Amino acid sequence: MWKLLGTSLDMSSTYHPQSDGQTEVANRSLAPDNTRHHGEAIDFINELQSLHQQAKDNLESSTVKYKREADRKHCEGLFVPGDLVWVYLTKERLPLREYNKLKSKKIGPVEVPQRINPNAYRVKLPDHLKTSDVFNVKHLSRFHGDNPPPDSWTNPSPPEGPDVASTVISVDHNTMSV
């Protein structure tokens, strides 16, 4: 069976101190006959090889499936040098004292001066930010004129005109006026 599997069986010898006496007796009593193969051993080997091939095929098909799903979400080559982008700052990029969950997370627009690779870009950050200027594409979004960033985490701009706190709201039974 070991030869049919393509492996070698290294049996212990009587002079091998790590084996026990029962193993040594069993090894001496085995008389390997290399001229014939046992039918059940051949069936077992064929079934084992079939299971091995099926497992290998399943792994390859699931790898293709996972790669296809990952490639679907992959963004490549979205920006060129000179583009303006919004930059999403994760809390790891901010000093511990400056992180505030209510503080704006996106800054911009900032310029993209260099493409590092299809997934990373260098941006011109404001001087007060002391973090790396290289960002993954998932932390960048295109700037379109004066509009706010998509799926914005930024705080809204303060309203123009009178202070919101001093605005009086009067309620009439069916209408609301400011």
N, C-alpha and C. Protein backbone atom coordinates (compact mmCIF):
# COMPACT_ATOMS: atom_id res chain seq x y z
N MET A 1 0.82 -1.19 0.00
CA MET A 1 0.00 0.00 0.00
C MET A 1 0.87 1.25 0.00
N TRP A 2 1.97 1.22 0.72
CA TRP A 2 2.83 2.41 0.77
C TRP A 2 3.44 2.69 -0.59
N LYS A 3 3.80 1.66 -1.31
CA LYS A 3 4.36 1.86 -2.65
C LYS A 3 3.30 2.37 -3.61
N LEU A 4 2.05 1.89 -3.49
CA LEU A 4 0.97 2.37 -4.35
C LEU A 4 0.68 3.84 -4.10
N LEU A 5 0.84 4.29 -2.85
CA LEU A 5 0.63 5.70 -2.52
C LEU A 5 1.82 6.58 -2.89
N GLY A 6 2.94 5.94 -3.21
CA GLY A 6 4.13 6.71 -3.57
C GLY A 6 4.87 7.25 -2.36
N THR A 7 4.69 6.62 -1.22
CA THR A 7 5.40 7.03 -0.01
C THR A 7 6.31 5.91 0.43
N SER A 8 7.11 6.19 1.44
CA SER A 8 7.98 5.13 1.94
C SER A 8 7.65 4.87 3.40
N LEU A 9 7.71 3.63 3.77
CA LEU A 9 7.48 3.23 5.15
C LEU A 9 8.83 2.88 5.75
N ASP A 10 9.25 3.67 6.70
CA ASP A 10 10.52 3.42 7.38
C ASP A 10 10.21 2.73 8.71
N MET A 11 10.30 1.41 8.69
CA MET A 11 9.99 0.65 9.89
C MET A 11 11.18 0.71 10.84
N SER A 12 10.87 0.64 12.11
CA SER A 12 11.94 0.65 13.11
C SER A 12 12.67 -0.69 13.10
N SER A 13 13.91 -0.65 13.48
CA SER A 13 14.69 -1.90 13.53
C SER A 13 14.77 -2.39 14.98
N THR A 14 15.27 -3.60 15.14
CA THR A 14 15.37 -4.15 16.50
C THR A 14 16.42 -3.41 17.31
N TYR A 15 17.30 -2.70 16.64
CA TYR A 15 18.36 -1.98 17.34
C TYR A 15 18.03 -0.51 17.54
N HIS A 16 16.80 -0.14 17.24
CA HIS A 16 16.37 1.25 17.37
C HIS A 16 15.83 1.45 18.78
N PRO A 17 16.49 2.25 19.62
CA PRO A 17 16.10 2.33 21.04
C PRO A 17 14.75 3.01 21.29
N GLN A 18 14.20 3.78 20.34
CA GLN A 18 12.95 4.49 20.60
C GLN A 18 11.70 3.63 20.40
N SER A 19 11.80 2.48 19.79
CA SER A 19 10.61 1.65 19.54
C SER A 19 10.40 0.69 20.70
N ASP A 20 9.16 0.25 20.84
CA ASP A 20 8.87 -0.70 21.90
C ASP A 20 9.01 -2.13 21.36
N GLY A 21 9.00 -3.09 22.22
CA GLY A 21 9.20 -4.49 21.85
C GLY A 21 8.09 -5.04 20.97
N GLN A 22 6.85 -4.62 21.20
CA GLN A 22 5.73 -5.14 20.42
C GLN A 22 5.86 -4.73 18.94
N THR A 23 6.29 -3.48 18.69
CA THR A 23 6.48 -3.02 17.31
C THR A 23 7.59 -3.80 16.63
N GLU A 24 8.67 -4.07 17.37
CA GLU A 24 9.78 -4.82 16.79
C GLU A 24 9.36 -6.24 16.39
N VAL A 25 8.56 -6.89 17.22
CA VAL A 25 8.09 -8.25 16.92
C VAL A 25 7.18 -8.22 15.69
N ALA A 26 6.28 -7.22 15.63
CA ALA A 26 5.36 -7.12 14.49
C ALA A 26 6.14 -6.85 13.20
N ASN A 27 7.15 -6.01 13.26
CA ASN A 27 7.94 -5.72 12.06
C ASN A 27 8.72 -6.94 11.57
N ARG A 28 9.22 -7.78 12.50
CA ARG A 28 9.95 -8.98 12.09
C ARG A 28 9.02 -10.01 11.47
N SER A 29 7.76 -10.04 11.94
CA SER A 29 6.84 -11.07 11.45
C SER A 29 6.25 -10.72 10.09
N LEU A 30 6.29 -9.43 9.66
CA LEU A 30 5.77 -9.03 8.35
C LEU A 30 6.75 -9.52 7.27
N ALA A 31 6.25 -10.22 6.27
CA ALA A 31 7.07 -10.65 5.15
C ALA A 31 6.54 -9.96 3.90
N PRO A 32 7.01 -8.69 3.53
CA PRO A 32 6.45 -7.97 2.38
C PRO A 32 6.68 -8.74 1.09
N ASP A 33 5.58 -8.92 0.36
CA ASP A 33 5.63 -9.60 -0.93
C ASP A 33 5.41 -8.53 -2.01
N ASN A 34 6.47 -8.16 -2.70
CA ASN A 34 6.40 -7.09 -3.69
C ASN A 34 5.80 -7.54 -5.02
N THR A 35 5.51 -8.82 -5.17
CA THR A 35 5.04 -9.31 -6.46
C THR A 35 3.53 -9.21 -6.61
N ARG A 36 2.78 -9.09 -5.54
CA ARG A 36 1.33 -9.04 -5.67
C ARG A 36 0.76 -7.88 -4.84
N HIS A 37 -0.40 -7.41 -5.27
CA HIS A 37 -1.07 -6.31 -4.58
C HIS A 37 -2.41 -6.81 -4.08
N HIS A 38 -2.79 -6.37 -2.93
CA HIS A 38 -4.06 -6.76 -2.33
C HIS A 38 -5.17 -5.92 -2.95
N GLY A 39 -6.28 -6.56 -3.35
CA GLY A 39 -7.38 -5.88 -4.03
C GLY A 39 -7.99 -4.76 -3.23
N GLU A 40 -8.17 -4.94 -1.93
CA GLU A 40 -8.76 -3.89 -1.09
C GLU A 40 -7.82 -2.70 -0.99
N ALA A 41 -6.52 -2.95 -0.98
CA ALA A 41 -5.55 -1.85 -0.91
C ALA A 41 -5.63 -0.99 -2.18
N ILE A 42 -5.76 -1.64 -3.34
CA ILE A 42 -5.87 -0.91 -4.60
C ILE A 42 -7.16 -0.08 -4.62
N ASP A 43 -8.27 -0.67 -4.16
CA ASP A 43 -9.53 0.08 -4.09
C ASP A 43 -9.42 1.28 -3.15
N PHE A 44 -8.76 1.07 -2.01
CA PHE A 44 -8.57 2.14 -1.04
C PHE A 44 -7.73 3.27 -1.65
N ILE A 45 -6.67 2.91 -2.35
CA ILE A 45 -5.79 3.91 -2.98
C ILE A 45 -6.57 4.69 -4.03
N ASN A 46 -7.35 4.01 -4.86
CA ASN A 46 -8.14 4.70 -5.89
C ASN A 46 -9.14 5.67 -5.27
N GLU A 47 -9.81 5.24 -4.19
CA GLU A 47 -10.77 6.12 -3.51
C GLU A 47 -10.07 7.32 -2.89
N LEU A 48 -8.91 7.08 -2.30
CA LEU A 48 -8.14 8.16 -1.69
C LEU A 48 -7.68 9.17 -2.73
N GLN A 49 -7.20 8.68 -3.89
CA GLN A 49 -6.79 9.59 -4.95
C GLN A 49 -7.98 10.37 -5.51
N SER A 50 -9.13 9.74 -5.60
CA SER A 50 -10.34 10.41 -6.07
C SER A 50 -10.75 11.53 -5.10
N LEU A 51 -10.71 11.24 -3.80
CA LEU A 51 -11.04 12.26 -2.80
C LEU A 51 -10.05 13.41 -2.83
N HIS A 52 -8.78 13.07 -3.02
CA HIS A 52 -7.75 14.10 -3.10
C HIS A 52 -8.00 15.01 -4.30
N GLN A 53 -8.32 14.45 -5.45
CA GLN A 53 -8.58 15.25 -6.65
C GLN A 53 -9.84 16.11 -6.48
N GLN A 54 -10.86 15.54 -5.84
CA GLN A 54 -12.09 16.30 -5.60
C GLN A 54 -11.83 17.48 -4.66
N ALA A 55 -11.05 17.27 -3.61
CA ALA A 55 -10.71 18.35 -2.69
C ALA A 55 -9.90 19.44 -3.40
N LYS A 56 -8.97 19.03 -4.24
CA LYS A 56 -8.16 19.98 -5.00
C LYS A 56 -9.04 20.80 -5.95
N ASP A 57 -9.98 20.14 -6.65
CA ASP A 57 -10.89 20.84 -7.56
C ASP A 57 -11.78 21.83 -6.80
N ASN A 58 -12.28 21.42 -5.62
CA ASN A 58 -13.11 22.31 -4.80
C ASN A 58 -12.34 23.54 -4.34
N LEU A 59 -11.08 23.34 -3.94
CA LEU A 59 -10.25 24.47 -3.52
C LEU A 59 -10.00 25.43 -4.68
N GLU A 60 -9.72 24.90 -5.86
CA GLU A 60 -9.48 25.75 -7.02
C GLU A 60 -10.73 26.53 -7.40
N SER A 61 -11.91 25.89 -7.38
CA SER A 61 -13.14 26.60 -7.75
C SER A 61 -13.50 27.66 -6.71
N SER A 62 -13.29 27.39 -5.43
CA SER A 62 -13.58 28.41 -4.42
C SER A 62 -12.58 29.56 -4.50
N THR A 63 -11.33 29.28 -4.86
CA THR A 63 -10.35 30.35 -5.04
C THR A 63 -10.75 31.26 -6.19
N VAL A 64 -11.22 30.68 -7.28
CA VAL A 64 -11.69 31.48 -8.42
C VAL A 64 -12.89 32.34 -8.01
N LYS A 65 -13.80 31.76 -7.23
CA LYS A 65 -14.99 32.49 -6.77
C LYS A 65 -14.60 33.66 -5.87
N TYR A 66 -13.70 33.43 -4.90
CA TYR A 66 -13.27 34.49 -4.00
C TYR A 66 -12.49 35.57 -4.74
N LYS A 67 -11.68 35.18 -5.71
CA LYS A 67 -10.92 36.17 -6.49
C LYS A 67 -11.87 37.03 -7.32
N ARG A 68 -12.87 36.42 -7.93
CA ARG A 68 -13.83 37.17 -8.73
C ARG A 68 -14.57 38.18 -7.85
N GLU A 69 -14.95 37.78 -6.63
CA GLU A 69 -15.65 38.68 -5.71
C GLU A 69 -14.74 39.81 -5.24
N ALA A 70 -13.48 39.50 -4.96
CA ALA A 70 -12.53 40.53 -4.54
C ALA A 70 -12.23 41.50 -5.68
N ASP A 71 -12.11 40.99 -6.90
CA ASP A 71 -11.84 41.86 -8.05
C ASP A 71 -13.02 42.78 -8.35
N ARG A 72 -14.22 42.33 -8.02
CA ARG A 72 -15.40 43.15 -8.25
C ARG A 72 -15.36 44.41 -7.38
N LYS A 73 -14.81 44.30 -6.19
CA LYS A 73 -14.74 45.42 -5.27
C LYS A 73 -13.46 46.24 -5.45
N HIS A 74 -12.54 45.76 -6.23
CA HIS A 74 -11.23 46.39 -6.40
C HIS A 74 -11.34 47.64 -7.27
N CYS A 75 -10.77 48.73 -6.81
CA CYS A 75 -10.75 49.97 -7.57
C CYS A 75 -9.32 50.19 -8.05
N GLU A 76 -9.17 50.48 -9.31
CA GLU A 76 -7.82 50.64 -9.83
C GLU A 76 -7.75 51.85 -10.75
N GLY A 77 -6.71 52.64 -10.57
CA GLY A 77 -6.44 53.74 -11.47
C GLY A 77 -7.53 54.78 -11.57
N LEU A 78 -8.04 55.23 -10.42
CA LEU A 78 -9.14 56.18 -10.45
C LEU A 78 -8.69 57.62 -10.66
N PHE A 79 -7.50 57.97 -10.25
CA PHE A 79 -7.05 59.35 -10.25
C PHE A 79 -5.76 59.51 -11.05
N VAL A 80 -5.57 60.72 -11.57
CA VAL A 80 -4.33 61.07 -12.27
C VAL A 80 -3.73 62.27 -11.55
N PRO A 81 -2.41 62.47 -11.64
CA PRO A 81 -1.80 63.63 -11.00
C PRO A 81 -2.48 64.92 -11.45
N GLY A 82 -2.80 65.76 -10.45
CA GLY A 82 -3.49 67.02 -10.72
C GLY A 82 -4.96 66.98 -10.32
N ASP A 83 -5.54 65.78 -10.14
CA ASP A 83 -6.94 65.67 -9.72
C ASP A 83 -7.11 66.19 -8.30
N LEU A 84 -8.31 66.69 -8.02
CA LEU A 84 -8.66 67.09 -6.66
C LEU A 84 -9.53 66.01 -6.04
N VAL A 85 -9.23 65.67 -4.78
CA VAL A 85 -9.94 64.58 -4.11
C VAL A 85 -10.29 64.97 -2.69
N TRP A 86 -11.28 64.26 -2.14
CA TRP A 86 -11.57 64.28 -0.70
C TRP A 86 -10.75 63.16 -0.09
N VAL A 87 -10.19 63.39 1.10
CA VAL A 87 -9.38 62.39 1.79
C VAL A 87 -10.09 62.01 3.09
N TYR A 88 -10.35 60.72 3.26
CA TYR A 88 -10.95 60.22 4.49
C TYR A 88 -9.84 59.91 5.48
N LEU A 89 -9.89 60.55 6.65
CA LEU A 89 -8.88 60.32 7.68
C LEU A 89 -9.43 59.33 8.70
N THR A 90 -8.77 58.20 8.83
CA THR A 90 -9.17 57.24 9.85
C THR A 90 -8.62 57.72 11.19
N LYS A 91 -9.17 57.20 12.27
CA LYS A 91 -8.74 57.66 13.59
C LYS A 91 -7.28 57.29 13.86
N GLU A 92 -6.76 56.29 13.17
CA GLU A 92 -5.36 55.92 13.34
C GLU A 92 -4.42 56.97 12.78
N ARG A 93 -4.90 57.78 11.86
CA ARG A 93 -4.07 58.81 11.23
C ARG A 93 -4.01 60.09 12.05
N LEU A 94 -4.87 60.24 13.04
CA LEU A 94 -4.90 61.44 13.86
C LEU A 94 -4.24 61.16 15.20
N PRO A 95 -3.54 62.17 15.77
CA PRO A 95 -2.98 61.99 17.11
C PRO A 95 -4.11 61.73 18.11
N LEU A 96 -3.82 60.97 19.14
CA LEU A 96 -4.83 60.55 20.10
C LEU A 96 -5.55 61.75 20.72
N ARG A 97 -4.83 62.83 21.00
CA ARG A 97 -5.43 64.00 21.63
C ARG A 97 -6.36 64.73 20.68
N GLU A 98 -6.14 64.61 19.38
CA GLU A 98 -6.93 65.36 18.40
C GLU A 98 -8.12 64.58 17.86
N TYR A 99 -8.19 63.29 18.13
CA TYR A 99 -9.30 62.51 17.58
C TYR A 99 -10.59 62.83 18.34
N ASN A 100 -11.62 63.12 17.58
CA ASN A 100 -12.95 63.38 18.14
C ASN A 100 -13.94 62.77 17.17
N LYS A 101 -14.80 61.93 17.66
CA LYS A 101 -15.70 61.24 16.74
C LYS A 101 -16.67 62.17 16.05
N LEU A 102 -16.87 63.37 16.57
CA LEU A 102 -17.75 64.34 15.93
C LEU A 102 -17.01 65.27 14.99
N LYS A 103 -15.71 65.22 15.01
CA LYS A 103 -14.90 66.06 14.13
C LYS A 103 -14.97 65.52 12.70
N SER A 104 -14.82 66.41 11.73
CA SER A 104 -14.92 65.97 10.33
C SER A 104 -13.86 64.93 10.02
N LYS A 105 -14.25 63.93 9.23
CA LYS A 105 -13.35 62.83 8.88
C LYS A 105 -12.76 63.02 7.48
N LYS A 106 -13.46 63.79 6.64
CA LYS A 106 -12.96 64.03 5.29
C LYS A 106 -12.45 65.45 5.19
N ILE A 107 -11.30 65.57 4.55
CA ILE A 107 -10.74 66.89 4.32
C ILE A 107 -10.57 67.07 2.83
N GLY A 108 -10.54 68.31 2.43
CA GLY A 108 -10.32 68.53 1.01
C GLY A 108 -11.03 69.75 0.54
N PRO A 109 -10.91 70.02 -0.70
CA PRO A 109 -10.22 69.19 -1.69
C PRO A 109 -8.71 69.34 -1.59
N VAL A 110 -8.02 68.25 -1.83
CA VAL A 110 -6.56 68.24 -1.88
C VAL A 110 -6.13 67.69 -3.23
N GLU A 111 -4.94 68.07 -3.64
CA GLU A 111 -4.43 67.66 -4.95
C GLU A 111 -3.68 66.34 -4.88
N VAL A 112 -3.79 65.57 -5.94
CA VAL A 112 -3.05 64.32 -6.08
C VAL A 112 -1.83 64.62 -6.95
N PRO A 113 -0.62 64.73 -6.36
CA PRO A 113 0.56 65.01 -7.18
C PRO A 113 1.19 63.77 -7.80
N GLN A 114 0.94 62.58 -7.21
CA GLN A 114 1.65 61.40 -7.69
C GLN A 114 0.83 60.13 -7.45
N ARG A 115 0.92 59.22 -8.43
CA ARG A 115 0.34 57.89 -8.29
C ARG A 115 1.48 56.95 -7.89
N ILE A 116 1.35 56.32 -6.74
CA ILE A 116 2.39 55.40 -6.26
C ILE A 116 2.27 54.06 -6.97
N ASN A 117 1.06 53.50 -6.96
CA ASN A 117 0.73 52.27 -7.66
C ASN A 117 -0.77 52.30 -7.92
N PRO A 118 -1.34 51.30 -8.57
CA PRO A 118 -2.78 51.38 -8.88
C PRO A 118 -3.69 51.53 -7.66
N ASN A 119 -3.18 51.23 -6.49
CA ASN A 119 -4.02 51.29 -5.29
C ASN A 119 -3.62 52.38 -4.30
N ALA A 120 -2.53 53.10 -4.55
CA ALA A 120 -2.05 54.10 -3.59
C ALA A 120 -1.66 55.39 -4.31
N TYR A 121 -2.00 56.51 -3.66
CA TYR A 121 -1.72 57.83 -4.22
C TYR A 121 -1.14 58.72 -3.14
N ARG A 122 -0.24 59.62 -3.57
CA ARG A 122 0.30 60.64 -2.68
C ARG A 122 -0.58 61.87 -2.85
N VAL A 123 -0.94 62.52 -1.74
CA VAL A 123 -1.77 63.73 -1.79
C VAL A 123 -1.06 64.85 -1.04
N LYS A 124 -1.39 66.10 -1.39
CA LYS A 124 -0.83 67.26 -0.70
C LYS A 124 -1.74 67.60 0.48
N LEU A 125 -1.32 67.17 1.66
CA LEU A 125 -2.10 67.41 2.87
C LEU A 125 -1.80 68.78 3.44
N PRO A 126 -2.73 69.37 4.19
CA PRO A 126 -2.44 70.63 4.89
C PRO A 126 -1.29 70.44 5.87
N ASP A 127 -0.57 71.52 6.14
CA ASP A 127 0.62 71.44 7.00
C ASP A 127 0.32 71.00 8.42
N HIS A 128 -0.87 71.29 8.94
CA HIS A 128 -1.16 70.95 10.33
C HIS A 128 -1.37 69.45 10.54
N LEU A 129 -1.57 68.68 9.49
CA LEU A 129 -1.72 67.23 9.64
C LEU A 129 -0.35 66.57 9.61
N LYS A 130 -0.04 65.89 10.66
CA LYS A 130 1.26 65.22 10.78
C LYS A 130 1.06 63.72 10.56
N THR A 131 0.75 63.33 9.34
CA THR A 131 0.54 61.93 8.99
C THR A 131 1.13 61.68 7.61
N SER A 132 1.24 60.44 7.26
CA SER A 132 1.76 60.08 5.94
C SER A 132 0.86 60.65 4.85
N ASP A 133 1.46 61.06 3.76
CA ASP A 133 0.68 61.65 2.66
C ASP A 133 0.33 60.62 1.59
N VAL A 134 0.53 59.34 1.86
CA VAL A 134 0.18 58.27 0.93
C VAL A 134 -1.09 57.58 1.44
N PHE A 135 -2.10 57.49 0.54
CA PHE A 135 -3.39 56.93 0.92
C PHE A 135 -3.80 55.83 -0.03
N ASN A 136 -4.49 54.84 0.51
CA ASN A 136 -5.10 53.81 -0.31
C ASN A 136 -6.29 54.42 -1.04
N VAL A 137 -6.59 53.91 -2.21
CA VAL A 137 -7.67 54.46 -3.03
C VAL A 137 -9.02 54.40 -2.32
N LYS A 138 -9.20 53.46 -1.38
CA LYS A 138 -10.47 53.37 -0.68
C LYS A 138 -10.70 54.54 0.27
N HIS A 139 -9.65 55.30 0.59
CA HIS A 139 -9.78 56.46 1.46
C HIS A 139 -9.83 57.77 0.67
N LEU A 140 -10.00 57.68 -0.64
CA LEU A 140 -10.08 58.86 -1.49
C LEU A 140 -11.37 58.84 -2.28
N SER A 141 -11.96 60.03 -2.51
CA SER A 141 -13.11 60.14 -3.39
C SER A 141 -12.95 61.41 -4.22
N ARG A 142 -13.43 61.36 -5.44
CA ARG A 142 -13.26 62.46 -6.39
C ARG A 142 -14.00 63.70 -5.92
N PHE A 143 -13.35 64.86 -6.10
CA PHE A 143 -13.96 66.15 -5.78
C PHE A 143 -14.66 66.66 -7.03
N HIS A 144 -15.94 67.03 -6.89
CA HIS A 144 -16.73 67.56 -8.01
C HIS A 144 -17.19 68.97 -7.68
N GLY A 145 -16.41 69.96 -8.00
CA GLY A 145 -16.82 71.34 -7.78
C GLY A 145 -17.04 71.67 -6.32
N ASP A 146 -18.12 72.38 -6.01
CA ASP A 146 -18.39 72.83 -4.65
C ASP A 146 -19.25 71.88 -3.85
N ASN A 147 -19.65 70.76 -4.43
CA ASN A 147 -20.55 69.87 -3.71
C ASN A 147 -19.82 69.14 -2.58
N PRO A 148 -20.56 68.75 -1.51
CA PRO A 148 -19.92 68.02 -0.42
C PRO A 148 -19.49 66.63 -0.88
N PRO A 149 -18.57 66.01 -0.15
CA PRO A 149 -18.11 64.68 -0.56
C PRO A 149 -19.22 63.65 -0.49
N PRO A 150 -19.17 62.64 -1.36
CA PRO A 150 -20.18 61.58 -1.29
C PRO A 150 -20.06 60.85 0.04
N ASP A 151 -21.15 60.33 0.52
CA ASP A 151 -21.25 59.66 1.82
C ASP A 151 -20.41 60.39 2.87
N SER A 152 -20.69 61.68 2.97
CA SER A 152 -19.88 62.59 3.77
C SER A 152 -19.91 62.27 5.25
N TRP A 153 -18.75 62.33 5.83
CA TRP A 153 -18.63 62.24 7.28
C TRP A 153 -18.28 63.61 7.83
N THR A 154 -18.28 64.61 6.95
CA THR A 154 -17.90 65.94 7.40
C THR A 154 -19.04 66.60 8.12
N ASN A 155 -18.70 67.50 9.00
CA ASN A 155 -19.72 68.29 9.67
C ASN A 155 -20.24 69.31 8.69
N PRO A 156 -21.52 69.64 8.71
CA PRO A 156 -22.04 70.61 7.78
C PRO A 156 -21.46 71.99 8.04
N SER A 157 -21.38 72.80 6.99
CA SER A 157 -20.88 74.17 7.12
C SER A 157 -21.83 74.95 7.99
N PRO A 158 -21.32 75.94 8.73
CA PRO A 158 -22.22 76.75 9.54
C PRO A 158 -23.17 77.52 8.63
N PRO A 159 -24.42 77.69 9.04
CA PRO A 159 -25.39 78.37 8.19
C PRO A 159 -25.05 79.83 8.02
N GLU A 160 -25.41 80.37 6.89
CA GLU A 160 -25.22 81.79 6.61
C GLU A 160 -26.32 82.56 7.33
N GLY A 161 -26.07 83.80 7.65
CA GLY A 161 -27.11 84.64 8.23
C GLY A 161 -27.13 84.55 9.74
N PRO A 162 -28.32 84.71 10.36
CA PRO A 162 -28.42 84.78 11.82
C PRO A 162 -28.02 83.46 12.48
N ASP A 163 -27.63 83.56 13.72
CA ASP A 163 -27.23 82.40 14.50
C ASP A 163 -28.43 81.47 14.68
N VAL A 164 -28.24 80.19 14.48
CA VAL A 164 -29.31 79.21 14.55
C VAL A 164 -29.92 79.18 15.95
N ALA A 165 -29.10 79.36 16.99
CA ALA A 165 -29.60 79.29 18.36
C ALA A 165 -30.57 80.43 18.67
N SER A 166 -30.42 81.58 17.97
CA SER A 166 -31.30 82.72 18.25
C SER A 166 -32.57 82.71 17.41
N THR A 167 -32.70 81.75 16.49
CA THR A 167 -33.89 81.67 15.65
C THR A 167 -35.06 81.17 16.47
N VAL A 168 -36.20 81.87 16.36
CA VAL A 168 -37.39 81.50 17.11
C VAL A 168 -38.30 80.72 16.19
N ILE A 169 -38.80 79.62 16.68
CA ILE A 169 -39.72 78.80 15.91
C ILE A 169 -41.08 78.91 16.55
N SER A 170 -42.05 79.34 15.77
CA SER A 170 -43.41 79.39 16.29
C SER A 170 -44.21 78.30 15.61
N VAL A 171 -45.08 77.67 16.37
CA VAL A 171 -45.84 76.56 15.84
C VAL A 171 -47.31 76.94 15.81
N ASP A 172 -47.90 76.88 14.63
CA ASP A 172 -49.34 77.04 14.47
C ASP A 172 -49.85 75.63 14.28
N HIS A 173 -51.05 75.34 14.69
CA HIS A 173 -51.56 73.96 14.74
C HIS A 173 -51.18 73.11 13.55
N ASN A 174 -51.28 73.59 12.34
CA ASN A 174 -51.00 72.76 11.16
C ASN A 174 -49.77 73.21 10.39
N THR A 175 -49.23 74.34 10.70
CA THR A 175 -48.07 74.82 9.95
C THR A 175 -46.96 75.19 10.90
N MET A 176 -45.76 75.18 10.37
CA MET A 176 -44.60 75.59 11.15
C MET A 176 -43.92 76.70 10.38
N SER A 177 -43.59 77.78 11.03
CA SER A 177 -42.92 78.87 10.34
C SER A 177 -41.69 79.28 11.15
N VAL A 178 -40.74 79.81 10.45
CA VAL A 178 -39.50 80.26 11.09
C VAL A 178 -39.42 81.74 10.94
